[in-house]
Amino acid sequence: MAKDFRNIEYHMSPDGDGNGVRYYACSKLNTKQKELIFNKNKGAIVQIRWEVNLGKDIKNLSETFNFTPQFGQFVEYQNLFDYLNDVCRKEKKMNMKIIDLQVAWQKEFLFKINPSTLELGPLWISDLEQKTTNYIWDHNEWREV
């Protein structure tokens, strides 16, 4: 196993560095093609809606983002729910309650990437036949509905 400059482990293809492909836990990075391809059902398009109690008022908020495990803002995470639990734990101080979580797990999820900086470029290909899964927070765990 090798580690990149972020201290994230990967391994090279059996034939060595010749083809420029790195295999991470959730994805494959092709340094020659400058493409990052996430393994099936590891990357996702996420839509989350939540409410925040602000005194006597309740404010409804929403966000849509691409979950890219071990890359972008998710460097520390291989699992979406670990990320959400950490975010929720911090935000509970603000009386946050998630009211809707929709996750479109991707079969094909490809980003352009700068192999030197590992900075993600735009989403290049996503699964056109994506199936959206809804989740709720129930008894301190995420449950599919």
Protein backbone atom coordinates (compact mmCIF):
# COMPACT_ATOMS: atom_id res chain seq x y z
CA MET A 1 0.00 0.00 0.00
CA ALA A 2 1.11 3.51 -0.77
CA LYS A 3 -0.23 6.82 0.55
CA ASP A 4 -0.90 10.05 -1.30
CA PHE A 5 0.08 13.47 0.05
CA ARG A 6 -3.20 13.60 2.04
CA ASN A 7 -2.16 10.38 3.83
CA ILE A 8 -4.93 8.36 2.10
CA GLU A 9 -4.00 4.78 1.21
CA TYR A 10 -4.18 3.38 -2.30
CA HIS A 11 -2.58 0.60 -4.28
CA MET A 12 -1.33 0.44 -7.84
CA SER A 13 -2.39 -2.05 -10.45
CA PRO A 14 -0.50 -5.37 -10.32
CA ASP A 15 1.62 -4.39 -13.34
CA GLY A 16 3.01 -1.38 -11.43
CA ASP A 17 2.83 2.36 -12.06
CA GLY A 18 3.04 1.90 -15.82
CA ASN A 19 -0.63 2.54 -16.46
CA GLY A 20 -1.01 5.40 -13.95
CA VAL A 21 -4.01 3.91 -12.12
CA ARG A 22 -4.43 4.21 -8.35
CA TYR A 23 -7.03 2.12 -6.53
CA TYR A 24 -8.52 3.83 -3.47
CA ALA A 25 -11.07 2.23 -1.11
CA CYS A 26 -14.02 3.82 -2.95
CA SER A 27 -12.65 4.82 -6.33
CA LYS A 28 -10.13 4.44 -9.11
CA LEU A 29 -7.91 7.36 -10.17
CA ASN A 30 -6.51 7.29 -13.68
CA THR A 31 -3.69 9.84 -13.59
CA LYS A 32 -3.09 9.68 -17.36
CA GLN A 33 -6.74 10.23 -18.32
CA LYS A 34 -7.21 12.67 -15.39
CA GLU A 35 -10.37 10.85 -14.31
CA LEU A 36 -11.68 9.76 -10.94
CA ILE A 37 -14.26 6.98 -11.15
CA PHE A 38 -16.15 6.02 -8.01
CA ASN A 39 -17.00 2.38 -7.36
CA LYS A 40 -20.62 1.37 -7.78
CA ASN A 41 -22.84 2.76 -5.01
CA LYS A 42 -19.99 4.59 -3.25
CA GLY A 43 -20.54 8.07 -4.70
CA ALA A 44 -23.95 9.72 -4.61
CA ILE A 45 -26.00 12.75 -5.42
CA VAL A 46 -27.54 13.77 -2.10
CA GLN A 47 -30.48 16.03 -1.38
CA ILE A 48 -31.06 16.87 2.25
CA ARG A 49 -33.77 19.02 3.82
CA TRP A 50 -33.74 20.01 7.47
CA GLU A 51 -35.33 22.42 9.85
CA VAL A 52 -33.71 24.61 12.45
CA ASN A 53 -35.50 25.99 15.49
CA LEU A 54 -34.70 29.68 15.86
CA GLY A 55 -36.46 30.67 19.05
CA LYS A 56 -40.17 30.59 18.20
CA ASP A 57 -39.54 30.27 14.46
CA ILE A 58 -38.64 27.21 12.40
CA LYS A 59 -36.52 27.71 9.30
CA ASN A 60 -36.54 25.08 6.52
CA LEU A 61 -33.28 24.65 4.63
CA SER A 62 -32.10 22.34 1.87
CA GLU A 63 -28.90 21.41 0.09
CA THR A 64 -27.92 19.18 -2.80
CA PHE A 65 -24.35 17.92 -3.12
CA ASN A 66 -22.22 15.21 -4.70
CA PHE A 67 -20.82 12.82 -2.10
CA THR A 68 -17.29 11.97 -3.26
CA PRO A 69 -15.73 9.72 -0.60
CA GLN A 70 -12.07 10.50 0.19
CA PHE A 71 -12.08 13.45 -2.25
CA GLY A 72 -13.19 17.07 -2.23
CA GLN A 73 -14.73 18.12 1.08
CA PHE A 74 -15.16 14.45 2.05
CA VAL A 75 -11.47 13.49 2.37
CA GLU A 76 -12.03 12.08 5.87
CA TYR A 77 -15.02 9.93 4.90
CA GLN A 78 -15.62 6.67 3.05
CA ASN A 79 -19.25 6.45 4.18
CA LEU A 80 -21.99 9.02 3.59
CA PHE A 81 -23.75 8.26 6.87
CA ASP A 82 -20.56 8.78 8.89
CA TYR A 83 -20.32 12.21 7.29
CA LEU A 84 -23.97 13.01 7.99
CA ASN A 85 -23.69 11.83 11.59
CA ASP A 86 -20.69 14.10 12.18
CA VAL A 87 -22.46 17.06 10.59
CA CYS A 88 -25.64 16.40 12.57
CA ARG A 89 -23.73 16.00 15.83
CA LYS A 90 -22.20 19.45 15.35
CA GLU A 91 -25.44 21.01 14.19
CA LYS A 92 -27.60 19.59 17.00
CA LYS A 93 -26.38 22.54 19.04
CA MET A 94 -28.53 24.59 16.67
CA ASN A 95 -31.61 22.36 17.21
CA MET A 96 -31.34 20.89 13.72
CA LYS A 97 -33.67 18.13 12.58
CA ILE A 98 -33.30 16.38 9.22
CA ILE A 99 -36.73 15.95 7.71
CA ASP A 100 -35.85 14.46 4.34
CA LEU A 101 -32.79 12.68 2.97
CA GLN A 102 -32.73 11.45 -0.62
CA VAL A 103 -29.67 9.63 -1.91
CA ALA A 104 -29.16 8.73 -5.55
CA TRP A 105 -26.40 6.10 -5.33
CA GLN A 106 -24.46 6.11 -8.59
CA LYS A 107 -23.42 3.14 -10.69
CA GLU A 108 -21.29 5.45 -12.84
CA PHE A 109 -19.85 8.54 -11.19
CA LEU A 110 -16.88 10.07 -12.99
CA PHE A 111 -15.15 13.36 -12.31
CA LYS A 112 -12.31 15.12 -14.05
CA ILE A 113 -9.44 15.62 -11.60
CA ASN A 114 -6.06 17.28 -11.38
CA PRO A 115 -3.80 14.31 -10.54
CA SER A 116 -1.13 16.57 -9.00
CA THR A 117 -3.39 18.42 -6.55
CA LEU A 118 -6.26 15.87 -6.43
CA GLU A 119 -8.65 18.77 -6.89
CA LEU A 120 -11.93 17.61 -8.38
CA GLY A 121 -13.14 19.12 -11.59
CA PRO A 122 -16.72 19.01 -12.78
CA LEU A 123 -18.90 15.92 -12.71
CA TRP A 124 -18.26 14.31 -16.07
CA ILE A 125 -20.56 11.26 -16.13
CA SER A 126 -23.28 10.15 -13.75
CA ASP A 127 -25.68 7.24 -13.80
CA LEU A 128 -28.61 8.05 -16.06
CA GLU A 129 -30.68 5.24 -14.52
CA GLN A 130 -30.11 6.31 -10.93
CA LYS A 131 -32.52 5.12 -8.28
CA THR A 132 -33.19 7.48 -5.42
CA THR A 133 -33.40 6.03 -1.92
CA ASN A 134 -35.09 7.89 0.93
CA TYR A 135 -33.82 7.66 4.50
CA ILE A 136 -35.03 8.84 7.88
CA TRP A 137 -33.23 9.21 11.20
CA ASP A 138 -34.88 6.71 13.55
CA HIS A 139 -33.66 5.66 17.00
CA ASN A 140 -30.17 7.06 16.40
CA GLU A 141 -29.62 5.37 13.04
CA TRP A 142 -30.40 5.94 9.38
CA ARG A 143 -33.20 3.75 8.08
CA GLU A 144 -34.26 3.31 4.46
CA VAL A 145 -37.94 4.05 3.77
